[in-house]
Amino acid sequence: MSTHAKRERLLLADLLETAGPEAPTLCEGWTARDLAAHVVVRERRPDAAGGMLVKQLAARLERVMAEFAAKPYEELIQLIRTGPPRFSPFSLKQIDELSNIVEFYVHTEDVRRARPDWTPRELDPVFQDVLWSRLERSARLMGRGVPTGLVLRRPDGRTVVAHRGTPVVTVIGEPSELVLFAYGRQSAAKVDLDGDENAIAKLRETKQLGI
């Protein structure tokens, strides 16, 4: 069985540990401590994690996040490494792979690419294909609020339509970079944009891309 999620989990934990709790991340307003707390709450406090999607639960999520962020940083890192408790759905390998591959990959890059001297990782083709398959499934959801047509294209020509409309902007890059772009990390993603200049400018400025 694939272990991509487990690999990204351990890499994220290592990076957070090395960076230190006050290190910046690509998540606006979040330090490494905040990001670590987010990962732990998502897996261990489903009663609060719903606030990521449901507005009425946002206040509870904020309160629980603050409680976890106040814990010793080393404890948060260890909770990430050991993974969710047995009662959590995330403890099932199938759900872990389905739900956490992209989650952990993106947050790993949130830590890596916040550093001034970062360089792109060399990812194997199998992992690139896994990221692409996840992107194909979620692209329309993530692109629903963009102000232009949006097509995501791999260097080999395979494409997915994230949003139908005109004018169309085509974003070209490896699946790993397209995932980052689609998840709102436009400024850090190594991609090329093709299309009308005004449409490209609108796309770069939008805050609605990503979930």
N, C-alpha and C. Protein backbone atom coordinates (compact mmCIF):
# COMPACT_ATOMS: atom_id res chain seq x y z
N MET A 1 0.84 -1.20 0.00
CA MET A 1 0.00 0.00 0.00
C MET A 1 0.88 1.25 0.00
N SER A 2 0.44 2.27 -0.72
CA SER A 2 1.20 3.51 -0.81
C SER A 2 1.38 4.15 0.56
N THR A 3 2.50 4.80 0.77
CA THR A 3 2.77 5.48 2.04
C THR A 3 3.17 6.93 1.81
N HIS A 4 2.64 7.52 0.76
CA HIS A 4 2.98 8.92 0.46
C HIS A 4 2.60 9.84 1.61
N ALA A 5 1.41 9.64 2.17
CA ALA A 5 0.96 10.51 3.25
C ALA A 5 1.88 10.40 4.46
N LYS A 6 2.28 9.18 4.80
CA LYS A 6 3.16 8.98 5.95
C LYS A 6 4.50 9.66 5.71
N ARG A 7 5.04 9.54 4.51
CA ARG A 7 6.31 10.19 4.20
C ARG A 7 6.21 11.70 4.34
N GLU A 8 5.14 12.29 3.79
CA GLU A 8 4.98 13.74 3.88
C GLU A 8 4.73 14.17 5.32
N ARG A 9 4.03 13.36 6.08
CA ARG A 9 3.80 13.66 7.50
C ARG A 9 5.13 13.80 8.24
N LEU A 10 6.00 12.80 8.08
CA LEU A 10 7.28 12.81 8.80
C LEU A 10 8.18 13.95 8.32
N LEU A 11 8.14 14.23 7.02
CA LEU A 11 8.93 15.33 6.49
C LEU A 11 8.44 16.66 7.05
N LEU A 12 7.12 16.82 7.12
CA LEU A 12 6.55 18.05 7.69
C LEU A 12 6.98 18.21 9.14
N ALA A 13 6.90 17.14 9.91
CA ALA A 13 7.30 17.20 11.32
C ALA A 13 8.76 17.59 11.46
N ASP A 14 9.62 17.00 10.63
CA ASP A 14 11.05 17.33 10.68
C ASP A 14 11.30 18.80 10.34
N LEU A 15 10.62 19.28 9.31
CA LEU A 15 10.81 20.67 8.90
C LEU A 15 10.32 21.65 9.96
N LEU A 16 9.17 21.35 10.54
CA LEU A 16 8.65 22.21 11.61
C LEU A 16 9.60 22.23 12.80
N GLU A 17 10.14 21.08 13.14
CA GLU A 17 11.08 21.00 14.26
C GLU A 17 12.33 21.82 13.98
N THR A 18 12.88 21.67 12.78
CA THR A 18 14.11 22.39 12.42
C THR A 18 13.86 23.90 12.34
N ALA A 19 12.71 24.28 11.79
CA ALA A 19 12.42 25.70 11.58
C ALA A 19 12.23 26.44 12.90
N GLY A 20 11.62 25.78 13.88
CA GLY A 20 11.35 26.44 15.15
C GLY A 20 9.97 27.06 15.17
N PRO A 21 9.41 27.27 16.35
CA PRO A 21 8.00 27.69 16.47
C PRO A 21 7.67 29.05 15.89
N GLU A 22 8.63 29.95 15.83
CA GLU A 22 8.33 31.30 15.34
C GLU A 22 8.66 31.49 13.87
N ALA A 23 9.05 30.44 13.19
CA ALA A 23 9.40 30.54 11.76
C ALA A 23 8.17 30.92 10.95
N PRO A 24 8.35 31.70 9.90
CA PRO A 24 7.21 32.07 9.05
C PRO A 24 6.78 30.89 8.18
N THR A 25 5.56 30.96 7.67
CA THR A 25 5.06 29.98 6.72
C THR A 25 4.36 30.74 5.59
N LEU A 26 3.95 30.01 4.57
CA LEU A 26 3.19 30.63 3.48
C LEU A 26 1.73 30.87 3.85
N CYS A 27 1.29 30.33 4.98
CA CYS A 27 -0.07 30.55 5.45
C CYS A 27 -0.12 31.92 6.11
N GLU A 28 -0.83 32.83 5.50
CA GLU A 28 -0.82 34.22 5.95
C GLU A 28 -1.20 34.34 7.43
N GLY A 29 -0.32 34.96 8.20
CA GLY A 29 -0.58 35.18 9.62
C GLY A 29 -0.20 34.03 10.52
N TRP A 30 0.26 32.93 9.95
CA TRP A 30 0.61 31.75 10.74
C TRP A 30 2.11 31.56 10.86
N THR A 31 2.56 31.32 12.07
CA THR A 31 3.93 30.86 12.29
C THR A 31 3.94 29.32 12.20
N ALA A 32 5.13 28.75 12.33
CA ALA A 32 5.23 27.29 12.34
C ALA A 32 4.41 26.69 13.48
N ARG A 33 4.37 27.37 14.62
CA ARG A 33 3.57 26.89 15.75
C ARG A 33 2.09 26.83 15.37
N ASP A 34 1.60 27.88 14.73
CA ASP A 34 0.19 27.91 14.33
C ASP A 34 -0.12 26.79 13.34
N LEU A 35 0.78 26.57 12.41
CA LEU A 35 0.57 25.51 11.41
C LEU A 35 0.56 24.14 12.08
N ALA A 36 1.49 23.93 13.02
CA ALA A 36 1.52 22.66 13.74
C ALA A 36 0.22 22.45 14.51
N ALA A 37 -0.27 23.49 15.16
CA ALA A 37 -1.53 23.38 15.91
C ALA A 37 -2.68 23.04 14.97
N HIS A 38 -2.71 23.64 13.80
CA HIS A 38 -3.75 23.35 12.80
C HIS A 38 -3.75 21.88 12.42
N VAL A 39 -2.58 21.33 12.14
CA VAL A 39 -2.48 19.93 11.74
C VAL A 39 -2.99 19.01 12.84
N VAL A 40 -2.62 19.29 14.07
CA VAL A 40 -3.02 18.45 15.19
C VAL A 40 -4.53 18.54 15.43
N VAL A 41 -5.07 19.75 15.42
CA VAL A 41 -6.51 19.94 15.66
C VAL A 41 -7.32 19.24 14.56
N ARG A 42 -6.89 19.35 13.34
CA ARG A 42 -7.60 18.72 12.22
C ARG A 42 -7.75 17.22 12.43
N GLU A 43 -6.71 16.59 12.97
CA GLU A 43 -6.74 15.14 13.14
C GLU A 43 -7.33 14.69 14.47
N ARG A 44 -7.20 15.49 15.49
CA ARG A 44 -7.53 15.03 16.84
C ARG A 44 -8.77 15.68 17.45
N ARG A 45 -9.27 16.75 16.85
CA ARG A 45 -10.44 17.42 17.42
C ARG A 45 -11.49 17.66 16.34
N PRO A 46 -12.16 16.59 15.89
CA PRO A 46 -13.18 16.76 14.86
C PRO A 46 -14.32 17.67 15.29
N ASP A 47 -14.55 17.77 16.60
CA ASP A 47 -15.59 18.66 17.10
C ASP A 47 -15.29 20.12 16.81
N ALA A 48 -14.00 20.44 16.66
CA ALA A 48 -13.60 21.82 16.36
C ALA A 48 -13.18 21.99 14.90
N ALA A 49 -12.62 20.94 14.31
CA ALA A 49 -12.10 21.04 12.95
C ALA A 49 -13.18 21.40 11.94
N GLY A 50 -14.43 21.11 12.26
CA GLY A 50 -15.52 21.48 11.36
C GLY A 50 -15.59 22.97 11.10
N GLY A 51 -14.98 23.76 11.98
CA GLY A 51 -14.96 25.21 11.79
C GLY A 51 -14.16 25.65 10.59
N MET A 52 -13.36 24.75 10.02
CA MET A 52 -12.63 25.07 8.80
C MET A 52 -13.57 25.21 7.62
N LEU A 53 -14.75 24.58 7.73
CA LEU A 53 -15.71 24.59 6.63
C LEU A 53 -17.04 25.24 7.01
N VAL A 54 -17.41 25.17 8.29
CA VAL A 54 -18.71 25.66 8.74
C VAL A 54 -18.52 26.94 9.56
N LYS A 55 -19.08 28.02 9.06
CA LYS A 55 -18.87 29.33 9.68
C LYS A 55 -19.32 29.36 11.12
N GLN A 56 -20.42 28.67 11.43
CA GLN A 56 -20.97 28.70 12.78
C GLN A 56 -20.02 28.06 13.81
N LEU A 57 -19.08 27.24 13.34
CA LEU A 57 -18.14 26.57 14.24
C LEU A 57 -16.78 27.26 14.28
N ALA A 58 -16.65 28.37 13.58
CA ALA A 58 -15.35 29.03 13.46
C ALA A 58 -14.82 29.51 14.81
N ALA A 59 -15.70 30.02 15.65
CA ALA A 59 -15.26 30.53 16.95
C ALA A 59 -14.72 29.39 17.82
N ARG A 60 -15.37 28.24 17.77
CA ARG A 60 -14.90 27.09 18.53
C ARG A 60 -13.54 26.64 18.01
N LEU A 61 -13.40 26.60 16.70
CA LEU A 61 -12.12 26.22 16.10
C LEU A 61 -11.01 27.16 16.55
N GLU A 62 -11.28 28.44 16.52
CA GLU A 62 -10.28 29.43 16.93
C GLU A 62 -9.85 29.22 18.38
N ARG A 63 -10.81 28.92 19.23
CA ARG A 63 -10.52 28.71 20.65
C ARG A 63 -9.67 27.44 20.85
N VAL A 64 -10.04 26.36 20.19
CA VAL A 64 -9.29 25.11 20.33
C VAL A 64 -7.90 25.24 19.72
N MET A 65 -7.81 25.94 18.60
CA MET A 65 -6.50 26.18 17.98
C MET A 65 -5.58 26.91 18.95
N ALA A 66 -6.12 27.92 19.63
CA ALA A 66 -5.32 28.68 20.58
C ALA A 66 -4.86 27.79 21.74
N GLU A 67 -5.72 26.89 22.17
CA GLU A 67 -5.35 25.97 23.26
C GLU A 67 -4.19 25.08 22.84
N PHE A 68 -4.25 24.55 21.63
CA PHE A 68 -3.18 23.67 21.17
C PHE A 68 -1.90 24.46 20.87
N ALA A 69 -2.05 25.66 20.33
CA ALA A 69 -0.87 26.47 20.04
C ALA A 69 -0.11 26.83 21.31
N ALA A 70 -0.81 26.83 22.45
CA ALA A 70 -0.18 27.16 23.73
C ALA A 70 0.59 25.99 24.32
N LYS A 71 0.43 24.81 23.74
CA LYS A 71 1.15 23.64 24.25
C LYS A 71 2.63 23.75 23.90
N PRO A 72 3.49 23.01 24.59
CA PRO A 72 4.91 22.99 24.22
C PRO A 72 5.07 22.59 22.75
N TYR A 73 5.92 23.32 22.06
CA TYR A 73 6.09 23.09 20.62
C TYR A 73 6.53 21.65 20.34
N GLU A 74 7.40 21.12 21.17
CA GLU A 74 7.89 19.75 20.98
C GLU A 74 6.75 18.74 21.06
N GLU A 75 5.77 19.04 21.90
CA GLU A 75 4.61 18.14 22.03
C GLU A 75 3.79 18.15 20.75
N LEU A 76 3.60 19.31 20.15
CA LEU A 76 2.87 19.40 18.89
C LEU A 76 3.57 18.60 17.79
N ILE A 77 4.88 18.74 17.72
CA ILE A 77 5.64 18.02 16.70
C ILE A 77 5.49 16.51 16.89
N GLN A 78 5.54 16.07 18.14
CA GLN A 78 5.41 14.64 18.41
C GLN A 78 4.01 14.13 18.06
N LEU A 79 2.99 14.94 18.30
CA LEU A 79 1.63 14.55 17.95
C LEU A 79 1.48 14.42 16.44
N ILE A 80 2.15 15.27 15.69
CA ILE A 80 2.12 15.14 14.23
C ILE A 80 2.82 13.86 13.80
N ARG A 81 3.98 13.60 14.37
CA ARG A 81 4.74 12.40 14.00
C ARG A 81 3.97 11.11 14.28
N THR A 82 3.37 11.03 15.46
CA THR A 82 2.70 9.79 15.84
C THR A 82 1.37 9.62 15.14
N GLY A 83 0.81 10.70 14.62
CA GLY A 83 -0.43 10.60 13.89
C GLY A 83 -1.66 10.61 14.78
N PRO A 84 -2.83 10.47 14.18
CA PRO A 84 -4.08 10.59 14.93
C PRO A 84 -4.32 9.40 15.84
N PRO A 85 -5.17 9.57 16.85
CA PRO A 85 -5.52 8.45 17.73
C PRO A 85 -6.33 7.40 16.98
N ARG A 86 -6.44 6.23 17.55
CA ARG A 86 -7.08 5.11 16.87
C ARG A 86 -8.54 5.36 16.55
N PHE A 87 -9.21 6.20 17.35
CA PHE A 87 -10.63 6.44 17.10
C PHE A 87 -10.86 7.42 15.95
N SER A 88 -9.81 8.06 15.48
CA SER A 88 -9.95 9.04 14.40
C SER A 88 -10.04 8.33 13.04
N PRO A 89 -10.92 8.80 12.15
CA PRO A 89 -10.97 8.23 10.80
C PRO A 89 -9.62 8.33 10.08
N PHE A 90 -8.83 9.34 10.43
CA PHE A 90 -7.53 9.52 9.78
C PHE A 90 -6.55 8.40 10.13
N SER A 91 -6.86 7.60 11.15
CA SER A 91 -5.97 6.50 11.52
C SER A 91 -6.07 5.34 10.53
N LEU A 92 -7.11 5.31 9.71
CA LEU A 92 -7.26 4.28 8.68
C LEU A 92 -6.38 4.63 7.49
N LYS A 93 -5.57 3.68 7.05
CA LYS A 93 -4.59 3.97 6.01
C LYS A 93 -5.23 4.50 4.73
N GLN A 94 -6.39 3.93 4.36
CA GLN A 94 -7.03 4.38 3.13
C GLN A 94 -7.46 5.84 3.23
N ILE A 95 -8.03 6.22 4.38
CA ILE A 95 -8.46 7.60 4.56
C ILE A 95 -7.26 8.53 4.71
N ASP A 96 -6.22 8.04 5.37
CA ASP A 96 -4.99 8.82 5.51
C ASP A 96 -4.44 9.19 4.14
N GLU A 97 -4.36 8.21 3.24
CA GLU A 97 -3.85 8.47 1.90
C GLU A 97 -4.77 9.41 1.13
N LEU A 98 -6.06 9.18 1.24
CA LEU A 98 -7.02 9.98 0.48
C LEU A 98 -7.04 11.43 0.95
N SER A 99 -6.97 11.62 2.27
CA SER A 99 -7.18 12.95 2.84
C SER A 99 -5.91 13.73 3.14
N ASN A 100 -4.79 13.04 3.29
CA ASN A 100 -3.62 13.71 3.83
C ASN A 100 -2.45 13.88 2.87
N ILE A 101 -2.45 13.21 1.73
CA ILE A 101 -1.32 13.36 0.82
C ILE A 101 -1.15 14.83 0.42
N VAL A 102 -2.21 15.42 -0.09
CA VAL A 102 -2.12 16.82 -0.52
C VAL A 102 -1.98 17.75 0.68
N GLU A 103 -2.72 17.47 1.75
CA GLU A 103 -2.65 18.30 2.96
C GLU A 103 -1.22 18.44 3.46
N PHE A 104 -0.55 17.30 3.60
CA PHE A 104 0.81 17.34 4.15
C PHE A 104 1.82 17.85 3.13
N TYR A 105 1.61 17.54 1.86
CA TYR A 105 2.53 18.06 0.84
C TYR A 105 2.48 19.60 0.82
N VAL A 106 1.27 20.14 0.79
CA VAL A 106 1.13 21.60 0.72
C VAL A 106 1.72 22.25 1.97
N HIS A 107 1.43 21.71 3.14
CA HIS A 107 1.95 22.33 4.36
C HIS A 107 3.46 22.15 4.50
N THR A 108 3.99 21.06 3.97
CA THR A 108 5.45 20.91 3.93
C THR A 108 6.06 22.04 3.11
N GLU A 109 5.46 22.32 1.97
CA GLU A 109 5.97 23.42 1.13
C GLU A 109 5.70 24.78 1.77
N ASP A 110 4.64 24.88 2.57
CA ASP A 110 4.39 26.13 3.30
C ASP A 110 5.56 26.47 4.21
N VAL A 111 6.18 25.45 4.77
CA VAL A 111 7.34 25.67 5.64
C VAL A 111 8.60 25.88 4.80
N ARG A 112 8.81 25.01 3.82
CA ARG A 112 10.03 25.08 3.01
C ARG A 112 10.14 26.40 2.25
N ARG A 113 9.04 26.78 1.60
CA ARG A 113 9.10 27.92 0.67
C ARG A 113 8.96 29.27 1.35
N ALA A 114 8.77 29.26 2.65
CA ALA A 114 8.80 30.53 3.39
C ALA A 114 10.23 30.95 3.68
N ARG A 115 11.17 30.06 3.44
CA ARG A 115 12.58 30.38 3.64
C ARG A 115 13.12 31.09 2.41
N PRO A 116 14.04 32.02 2.58
CA PRO A 116 14.56 32.76 1.42
C PRO A 116 15.42 31.94 0.48
N ASP A 117 15.98 30.83 0.95
CA ASP A 117 16.93 30.07 0.14
C ASP A 117 16.36 28.73 -0.33
N TRP A 118 15.04 28.61 -0.43
CA TRP A 118 14.43 27.33 -0.79
C TRP A 118 14.68 27.00 -2.26
N THR A 119 14.66 25.72 -2.55
CA THR A 119 14.74 25.23 -3.92
C THR A 119 13.69 24.14 -4.10
N PRO A 120 13.15 23.95 -5.32
CA PRO A 120 12.12 22.93 -5.53
C PRO A 120 12.64 21.53 -5.20
N ARG A 121 11.76 20.72 -4.65
CA ARG A 121 12.11 19.33 -4.38
C ARG A 121 12.06 18.51 -5.66
N GLU A 122 12.90 17.48 -5.71
CA GLU A 122 12.84 16.51 -6.79
C GLU A 122 11.85 15.42 -6.40
N LEU A 123 10.69 15.39 -7.04
CA LEU A 123 9.66 14.42 -6.71
C LEU A 123 9.60 13.33 -7.77
N ASP A 124 9.39 12.10 -7.32
CA ASP A 124 9.36 10.99 -8.27
C ASP A 124 8.08 11.02 -9.09
N PRO A 125 8.11 10.44 -10.30
CA PRO A 125 6.95 10.48 -11.20
C PRO A 125 5.69 9.87 -10.59
N VAL A 126 5.84 8.84 -9.78
CA VAL A 126 4.67 8.21 -9.17
C VAL A 126 3.95 9.20 -8.25
N PHE A 127 4.71 9.92 -7.45
CA PHE A 127 4.10 10.90 -6.55
C PHE A 127 3.48 12.05 -7.34
N GLN A 128 4.14 12.46 -8.42
CA GLN A 128 3.56 13.50 -9.27
C GLN A 128 2.21 13.04 -9.82
N ASP A 129 2.11 11.79 -10.23
CA ASP A 129 0.86 11.28 -10.76
C ASP A 129 -0.22 11.22 -9.68
N VAL A 130 0.18 10.88 -8.46
CA VAL A 130 -0.77 10.85 -7.36
C VAL A 130 -1.32 12.25 -7.10
N LEU A 131 -0.45 13.24 -7.09
CA LEU A 131 -0.89 14.62 -6.89
C LEU A 131 -1.80 15.07 -8.03
N TRP A 132 -1.49 14.65 -9.24
CA TRP A 132 -2.31 15.00 -10.40
C TRP A 132 -3.71 14.40 -10.26
N SER A 133 -3.80 13.15 -9.83
CA SER A 133 -5.10 12.51 -9.68
C SER A 133 -5.95 13.23 -8.64
N ARG A 134 -5.32 13.68 -7.56
CA ARG A 134 -6.05 14.45 -6.54
C ARG A 134 -6.51 15.79 -7.12
N LEU A 135 -5.67 16.39 -7.92
CA LEU A 135 -6.01 17.68 -8.51
C LEU A 135 -7.17 17.55 -9.49
N GLU A 136 -7.18 16.49 -10.27
CA GLU A 136 -8.28 16.27 -11.21
C GLU A 136 -9.62 16.20 -10.49
N ARG A 137 -9.62 15.61 -9.31
CA ARG A 137 -10.87 15.45 -8.56
C ARG A 137 -11.35 16.74 -7.91
N SER A 138 -10.42 17.60 -7.54
CA SER A 138 -10.80 18.77 -6.73
C SER A 138 -10.70 20.10 -7.46
N ALA A 139 -10.20 20.10 -8.70
CA ALA A 139 -9.91 21.35 -9.39
C ALA A 139 -11.13 22.26 -9.52
N ARG A 140 -12.27 21.70 -9.87
CA ARG A 140 -13.46 22.54 -10.06
C ARG A 140 -13.94 23.16 -8.76
N LEU A 141 -13.80 22.42 -7.68
CA LEU A 141 -14.17 22.98 -6.38
C LEU A 141 -13.27 24.15 -6.03
N MET A 142 -11.97 23.99 -6.24
CA MET A 142 -11.03 25.04 -5.89
C MET A 142 -11.11 26.24 -6.82
N GLY A 143 -11.52 26.01 -8.07
CA GLY A 143 -11.55 27.10 -9.03
C GLY A 143 -12.89 27.77 -9.17
N ARG A 144 -13.84 27.42 -8.31
CA ARG A 144 -15.21 27.89 -8.52
C ARG A 144 -15.36 29.41 -8.38
N GLY A 145 -14.46 30.06 -7.64
CA GLY A 145 -14.64 31.49 -7.41
C GLY A 145 -13.71 32.39 -8.21
N VAL A 146 -12.92 31.83 -9.13
CA VAL A 146 -11.94 32.66 -9.84
C VAL A 146 -12.64 33.51 -10.90
N PRO A 147 -12.08 34.67 -11.24
CA PRO A 147 -12.75 35.61 -12.14
C PRO A 147 -12.50 35.35 -13.62
N THR A 148 -11.79 34.27 -13.96
CA THR A 148 -11.49 33.96 -15.36
C THR A 148 -11.71 32.48 -15.60
N GLY A 149 -11.70 32.09 -16.89
CA GLY A 149 -11.60 30.67 -17.17
C GLY A 149 -10.23 30.18 -16.70
N LEU A 150 -10.15 28.95 -16.24
CA LEU A 150 -8.89 28.47 -15.68
C LEU A 150 -8.66 27.02 -16.09
N VAL A 151 -7.53 26.79 -16.77
CA VAL A 151 -7.12 25.45 -17.18
C VAL A 151 -5.76 25.16 -16.56
N LEU A 152 -5.60 23.97 -15.99
CA LEU A 152 -4.33 23.54 -15.42
C LEU A 152 -3.73 22.50 -16.35
N ARG A 153 -2.47 22.67 -16.73
CA ARG A 153 -1.86 21.79 -17.74
C ARG A 153 -0.49 21.31 -17.31
N ARG A 154 -0.28 20.01 -17.43
CA ARG A 154 1.03 19.43 -17.19
C ARG A 154 1.94 19.67 -18.40
N PRO A 155 3.25 19.57 -18.24
CA PRO A 155 4.16 19.74 -19.37
C PRO A 155 3.91 18.74 -20.50
N ASP A 156 3.36 17.56 -20.18
CA ASP A 156 3.07 16.57 -21.23
C ASP A 156 1.77 16.82 -21.95
N GLY A 157 1.06 17.89 -21.58
CA GLY A 157 -0.16 18.27 -22.29
C GLY A 157 -1.45 17.86 -21.61
N ARG A 158 -1.42 17.00 -20.63
CA ARG A 158 -2.64 16.62 -19.93
C ARG A 158 -3.21 17.83 -19.19
N THR A 159 -4.52 17.99 -19.26
CA THR A 159 -5.14 19.19 -18.70
C THR A 159 -6.35 18.84 -17.85
N VAL A 160 -6.70 19.78 -16.99
CA VAL A 160 -7.95 19.71 -16.24
C VAL A 160 -8.53 21.13 -16.20
N VAL A 161 -9.84 21.23 -16.42
CA VAL A 161 -10.51 22.53 -16.39
C VAL A 161 -10.96 22.81 -14.96
N ALA A 162 -10.41 23.86 -14.39
CA ALA A 162 -10.78 24.22 -13.02
C ALA A 162 -11.97 25.18 -12.99
N HIS A 163 -12.12 25.98 -14.05
CA HIS A 163 -13.24 26.91 -14.10
C HIS A 163 -13.54 27.24 -15.56
N ARG A 164 -14.80 27.09 -15.94
CA ARG A 164 -15.20 27.43 -17.30
C ARG A 164 -15.55 28.91 -17.37
N GLY A 165 -15.05 29.58 -18.41
CA GLY A 165 -15.31 30.99 -18.58
C GLY A 165 -14.33 31.60 -19.56
N THR A 166 -14.51 32.87 -19.85
CA THR A 166 -13.61 33.60 -20.74
C THR A 166 -13.29 34.94 -20.11
N PRO A 167 -12.11 35.48 -20.40
CA PRO A 167 -11.00 34.83 -21.11
C PRO A 167 -10.40 33.69 -20.28
N VAL A 168 -9.67 32.81 -20.94
CA VAL A 168 -9.10 31.65 -20.28
C VAL A 168 -7.63 31.87 -19.97
N VAL A 169 -7.25 31.52 -18.76
CA VAL A 169 -5.84 31.50 -18.38
C VAL A 169 -5.43 30.04 -18.20
N THR A 170 -4.33 29.65 -18.85
CA THR A 170 -3.80 28.31 -18.71
C THR A 170 -2.56 28.36 -17.83
N VAL A 171 -2.57 27.57 -16.77
CA VAL A 171 -1.44 27.50 -15.85
C VAL A 171 -0.69 26.20 -16.14
N ILE A 172 0.61 26.33 -16.45
CA ILE A 172 1.40 25.19 -16.91
C ILE A 172 2.49 24.89 -15.89
N GLY A 173 2.59 23.63 -15.48
CA GLY A 173 3.63 23.23 -14.55
C GLY A 173 3.49 21.78 -14.15
N GLU A 174 4.45 21.30 -13.40
CA GLU A 174 4.37 19.95 -12.88
C GLU A 174 3.18 19.85 -11.91
N PRO A 175 2.60 18.66 -11.76
CA PRO A 175 1.46 18.53 -10.86
C PRO A 175 1.70 19.09 -9.46
N SER A 176 2.90 18.89 -8.92
CA SER A 176 3.21 19.40 -7.59
C SER A 176 3.09 20.92 -7.53
N GLU A 177 3.51 21.59 -8.59
CA GLU A 177 3.44 23.05 -8.62
C GLU A 177 2.01 23.51 -8.90
N LEU A 178 1.29 22.78 -9.72
CA LEU A 178 -0.11 23.12 -9.99
C LEU A 178 -0.96 22.97 -8.74
N VAL A 179 -0.66 21.96 -7.94
CA VAL A 179 -1.37 21.79 -6.68
C VAL A 179 -1.17 23.00 -5.78
N LEU A 180 0.07 23.46 -5.68
CA LEU A 180 0.34 24.63 -4.85
C LEU A 180 -0.39 25.86 -5.38
N PHE A 181 -0.38 26.03 -6.68
CA PHE A 181 -1.08 27.16 -7.28
C PHE A 181 -2.57 27.08 -6.98
N ALA A 182 -3.14 25.89 -7.17
CA ALA A 182 -4.58 25.71 -6.97
C ALA A 182 -4.98 25.87 -5.51
N TYR A 183 -4.07 25.60 -4.60
CA TYR A 183 -4.36 25.73 -3.18
C TYR A 183 -3.98 27.11 -2.65
N GLY A 184 -3.87 28.08 -3.53
CA GLY A 184 -3.71 29.46 -3.11
C GLY A 184 -2.30 29.93 -2.86
N ARG A 185 -1.31 29.08 -3.24
CA ARG A 185 0.09 29.50 -3.06
C ARG A 185 0.65 30.00 -4.39
N GLN A 186 -0.10 30.92 -5.03
CA GLN A 186 0.27 31.37 -6.37
C GLN A 186 1.66 31.95 -6.45
N SER A 187 2.03 32.74 -5.46
CA SER A 187 3.32 33.44 -5.52
C SER A 187 4.50 32.51 -5.39
N ALA A 188 4.29 31.33 -4.79
CA ALA A 188 5.40 30.41 -4.56
C ALA A 188 5.46 29.27 -5.55
N ALA A 189 4.42 29.09 -6.36
CA ALA A 189 4.38 27.97 -7.29
C ALA A 189 5.21 28.27 -8.54
N LYS A 190 6.01 27.28 -8.96
CA LYS A 190 6.83 27.41 -10.16
C LYS A 190 6.00 27.01 -11.38
N VAL A 191 5.25 27.97 -11.91
CA VAL A 191 4.36 27.71 -13.05
C VAL A 191 4.49 28.84 -14.06
N ASP A 192 4.02 28.56 -15.27
CA ASP A 192 3.90 29.58 -16.31
C ASP A 192 2.43 29.83 -16.57
N LEU A 193 2.08 31.09 -16.78
CA LEU A 193 0.69 31.46 -17.05
C LEU A 193 0.57 31.96 -18.48
N ASP A 194 -0.38 31.42 -19.20
CA ASP A 194 -0.59 31.78 -20.60
C ASP A 194 -2.02 32.28 -20.78
N GLY A 195 -2.15 33.47 -21.39
CA GLY A 195 -3.48 34.02 -21.62
C GLY A 195 -3.44 35.54 -21.68
N ASP A 196 -4.62 36.13 -21.67
CA ASP A 196 -4.75 37.58 -21.70
C ASP A 196 -4.08 38.19 -20.46
N GLU A 197 -3.29 39.25 -20.69
CA GLU A 197 -2.52 39.84 -19.59
C GLU A 197 -3.40 40.34 -18.45
N ASN A 198 -4.52 40.97 -18.80
CA ASN A 198 -5.42 41.47 -17.75
C ASN A 198 -6.04 40.32 -16.95
N ALA A 199 -6.37 39.24 -17.67
CA ALA A 199 -6.94 38.08 -16.99
C ALA A 199 -5.92 37.44 -16.06
N ILE A 200 -4.67 37.38 -16.51
CA ILE A 200 -3.62 36.82 -15.67
C ILE A 200 -3.44 37.67 -14.41
N ALA A 201 -3.47 38.99 -14.57
CA ALA A 201 -3.33 39.87 -13.42
C ALA A 201 -4.47 39.67 -12.41
N LYS A 202 -5.69 39.51 -12.91
CA LYS A 202 -6.83 39.26 -12.02
C LYS A 202 -6.68 37.94 -11.28
N LEU A 203 -6.21 36.93 -12.02
CA LEU A 203 -6.04 35.62 -11.41
C LEU A 203 -4.99 35.64 -10.30
N ARG A 204 -3.90 36.34 -10.56
CA ARG A 204 -2.84 36.42 -9.56
C ARG A 204 -3.29 37.15 -8.30
N GLU A 205 -4.23 38.06 -8.44
CA GLU A 205 -4.66 38.87 -7.32
C GLU A 205 -5.80 38.24 -6.53
N THR A 206 -6.47 37.26 -7.11
CA THR A 206 -7.67 36.72 -6.46
C THR A 206 -7.31 36.01 -5.17
N LYS A 207 -8.17 36.15 -4.18
CA LYS A 207 -8.02 35.47 -2.91
C LYS A 207 -8.98 34.27 -2.82
N GLN A 208 -9.73 34.04 -3.90
CA GLN A 208 -10.76 33.00 -3.86
C GLN A 208 -10.25 31.65 -4.34
N LEU A 209 -9.05 31.62 -4.91
CA LEU A 209 -8.51 30.36 -5.39
C LEU A 209 -8.01 29.54 -4.21
N GLY A 210 -8.35 28.29 -4.22
CA GLY A 210 -7.88 27.40 -3.16
C GLY A 210 -8.92 27.19 -2.08
N ILE A 211 -8.68 26.14 -1.28
CA ILE A 211 -9.58 25.86 -0.17
C ILE A 211 -8.76 25.59 1.08
